[in-house]
C-alpha cells in the first residue's frame, strides 16, 4: 500500500482490514494482531532508498555463485578502512 502521509496510511489500513473482515475473518484477525509491526517496512524502505541515493549503499548484480581466484588478504579493521 502506498501513501504520502501517516494519516493516509491509517485510513488505507482501516479500509484494507474492513475488506478482509468480509472475505476471511481469520486473515483480518491475524493482520490486526500484527498491528504496527506489520507496517514498519514503509519507513525502513524509504530509509534504505535514501541511503542508496546518497551513495552510502552500493548494490551490485551478482551472477550466481562466484569464487575468488586467490583467498582474500586478512587485514586489520583499521587498515581495511
C-alpha atoms as a PDB file:
ATOM      1  CA  UNK A   1       0.000   0.000   0.000  1.00  0.00           C
ATOM      2  CA  UNK A   2       1.350   3.410  -0.926  1.00  0.00           C
ATOM      3  CA  UNK A   3       0.596   6.649   0.909  1.00  0.00           C
ATOM      4  CA  UNK A   4       2.083  10.118   1.235  1.00  0.00           C
ATOM      5  CA  UNK A   5       1.319  10.671   4.919  1.00  0.00           C
ATOM      6  CA  UNK A   6       0.816   8.732   8.135  1.00  0.00           C
ATOM      7  CA  UNK A   7      -2.865   9.729   8.226  1.00  0.00           C
ATOM      8  CA  UNK A   8      -3.382   8.274   4.770  1.00  0.00           C
ATOM      9  CA  UNK A   9      -1.639   5.057   5.852  1.00  0.00           C
ATOM     10  CA  UNK A  10      -4.065   4.714   8.781  1.00  0.00           C
ATOM     11  CA  UNK A  11      -7.044   5.331   6.508  1.00  0.00           C
ATOM     12  CA  UNK A  12      -5.910   2.778   3.936  1.00  0.00           C
ATOM     13  CA  UNK A  13      -5.087   0.232   6.630  1.00  0.00           C
ATOM     14  CA  UNK A  14      -8.633   0.526   8.039  1.00  0.00           C
ATOM     15  CA  UNK A  15     -10.093   0.069   4.552  1.00  0.00           C
ATOM     16  CA  UNK A  16      -7.834  -2.919   3.942  1.00  0.00           C
ATOM     17  CA  UNK A  17      -8.848  -4.578   7.224  1.00  0.00           C
ATOM     18  CA  UNK A  18     -12.549  -3.924   6.557  1.00  0.00           C
ATOM     19  CA  UNK A  19     -12.220  -5.605   3.157  1.00  0.00           C
ATOM     20  CA  UNK A  20     -10.538  -8.673   4.644  1.00  0.00           C
ATOM     21  CA  UNK A  21     -13.023  -8.944   7.505  1.00  0.00           C
ATOM     22  CA  UNK A  22     -15.684  -9.593   4.868  1.00  0.00           C
ATOM     23  CA  UNK A  23     -13.576 -12.032   2.836  1.00  0.00           C
ATOM     24  CA  UNK A  24     -11.811 -14.004   5.562  1.00  0.00           C
ATOM     25  CA  UNK A  25     -12.113 -13.125   9.231  1.00  0.00           C
ATOM     26  CA  UNK A  26      -9.029 -15.189  10.161  1.00  0.00           C
ATOM     27  CA  UNK A  27      -6.805 -13.134   7.868  1.00  0.00           C
ATOM     28  CA  UNK A  28      -8.187  -9.878   9.277  1.00  0.00           C
ATOM     29  CA  UNK A  29      -7.622 -11.037  12.859  1.00  0.00           C
ATOM     30  CA  UNK A  30      -4.064 -12.019  12.023  1.00  0.00           C
ATOM     31  CA  UNK A  31      -3.407  -8.616  10.443  1.00  0.00           C
ATOM     32  CA  UNK A  32      -4.903  -6.836  13.449  1.00  0.00           C
ATOM     33  CA  UNK A  33      -2.774  -8.933  15.788  1.00  0.00           C
ATOM     34  CA  UNK A  34       0.395  -7.901  13.934  1.00  0.00           C
ATOM     35  CA  UNK A  35      -0.677  -4.251  14.195  1.00  0.00           C
ATOM     36  CA  UNK A  36       2.020  -1.624  13.759  1.00  0.00           C
ATOM     37  CA  UNK A  37       4.784  -4.198  13.334  1.00  0.00           C
ATOM     38  CA  UNK A  38       3.283  -5.222  10.009  1.00  0.00           C
ATOM     39  CA  UNK A  39       3.588  -1.734   8.537  1.00  0.00           C
ATOM     40  CA  UNK A  40       7.089  -0.832   9.710  1.00  0.00           C
ATOM     41  CA  UNK A  41       8.577  -1.628   6.312  1.00  0.00           C
ATOM     42  CA  UNK A  42       7.381   1.653   4.869  1.00  0.00           C
ATOM     43  CA  UNK A  43       9.901   3.725   6.837  1.00  0.00           C
ATOM     44  CA  UNK A  44      12.680   1.162   6.567  1.00  0.00           C
ATOM     45  CA  UNK A  45      12.249   1.038   2.797  1.00  0.00           C
ATOM     46  CA  UNK A  46      12.323   4.818   2.480  1.00  0.00           C
ATOM     47  CA  UNK A  47      15.464   4.945   4.649  1.00  0.00           C
ATOM     48  CA  UNK A  48      17.110   2.257   2.507  1.00  0.00           C
ATOM     49  CA  UNK A  49      16.404   4.155  -0.721  1.00  0.00           C
ATOM     50  CA  UNK A  50      17.656   7.395   0.843  1.00  0.00           C
ATOM     51  CA  UNK A  51      20.949   5.685   1.702  1.00  0.00           C
ATOM     52  CA  UNK A  52      21.211   4.283  -1.824  1.00  0.00           C
ATOM     53  CA  UNK A  53      20.523   7.691  -3.356  1.00  0.00           C
ATOM     54  CA  UNK A  54      23.218   9.283  -1.200  1.00  0.00           C
ATOM     55  CA  UNK A  55      25.763   6.689  -2.305  1.00  0.00           C
ATOM     56  CA  UNK A  56      26.235   5.182   1.148  1.00  0.00           C
ATOM     57  CA  UNK A  57      24.957   1.809  -0.101  1.00  0.00           C
ATOM     58  CA  UNK A  58      26.096   0.332  -3.389  1.00  0.00           C
ATOM     59  CA  UNK A  59      24.137  -2.524  -4.949  1.00  0.00           C
ATOM     60  CA  UNK A  60      25.909  -4.932  -7.257  1.00  0.00           C
ATOM     61  CA  UNK A  61      24.498  -7.546  -9.553  1.00  0.00           C
ATOM     62  CA  UNK A  62      25.953 -10.961  -8.918  1.00  0.00           C
ATOM     63  CA  UNK A  63      25.587 -13.718 -11.481  1.00  0.00           C
ATOM     64  CA  UNK A  64      25.240 -16.899  -9.450  1.00  0.00           C
ATOM     65  CA  UNK A  65      27.973 -18.240  -7.205  1.00  0.00           C
ATOM     66  CA  UNK A  66      31.459 -16.986  -7.919  1.00  0.00           C
ATOM     67  CA  UNK A  67      34.713 -17.958  -6.279  1.00  0.00           C
ATOM     68  CA  UNK A  68      37.821 -15.871  -5.873  1.00  0.00           C
ATOM     69  CA  UNK A  69      40.986 -16.973  -7.664  1.00  0.00           C
ATOM     70  CA  UNK A  70      43.048 -16.093  -4.585  1.00  0.00           C
ATOM     71  CA  UNK A  71      41.951 -16.091  -0.950  1.00  0.00           C
ATOM     72  CA  UNK A  72      41.277 -12.612   0.457  1.00  0.00           C
ATOM     73  CA  UNK A  73      44.063 -10.965   2.440  1.00  0.00           C
ATOM     74  CA  UNK A  74      43.392 -10.713   6.168  1.00  0.00           C
ATOM     75  CA  UNK A  75      43.772  -7.061   7.170  1.00  0.00           C
ATOM     76  CA  UNK A  76      43.171  -5.353  10.454  1.00  0.00           C
ATOM     77  CA  UNK A  77      39.995  -3.309  10.522  1.00  0.00           C
ATOM     78  CA  UNK A  78      41.972  -0.036  10.628  1.00  0.00           C
ATOM     79  CA  UNK A  79      43.926  -0.974   7.514  1.00  0.00           C
ATOM     80  CA  UNK A  80      40.853  -2.099   5.606  1.00  0.00           C
ATOM     81  CA  UNK A  81      39.031   1.174   6.221  1.00  0.00           C
END
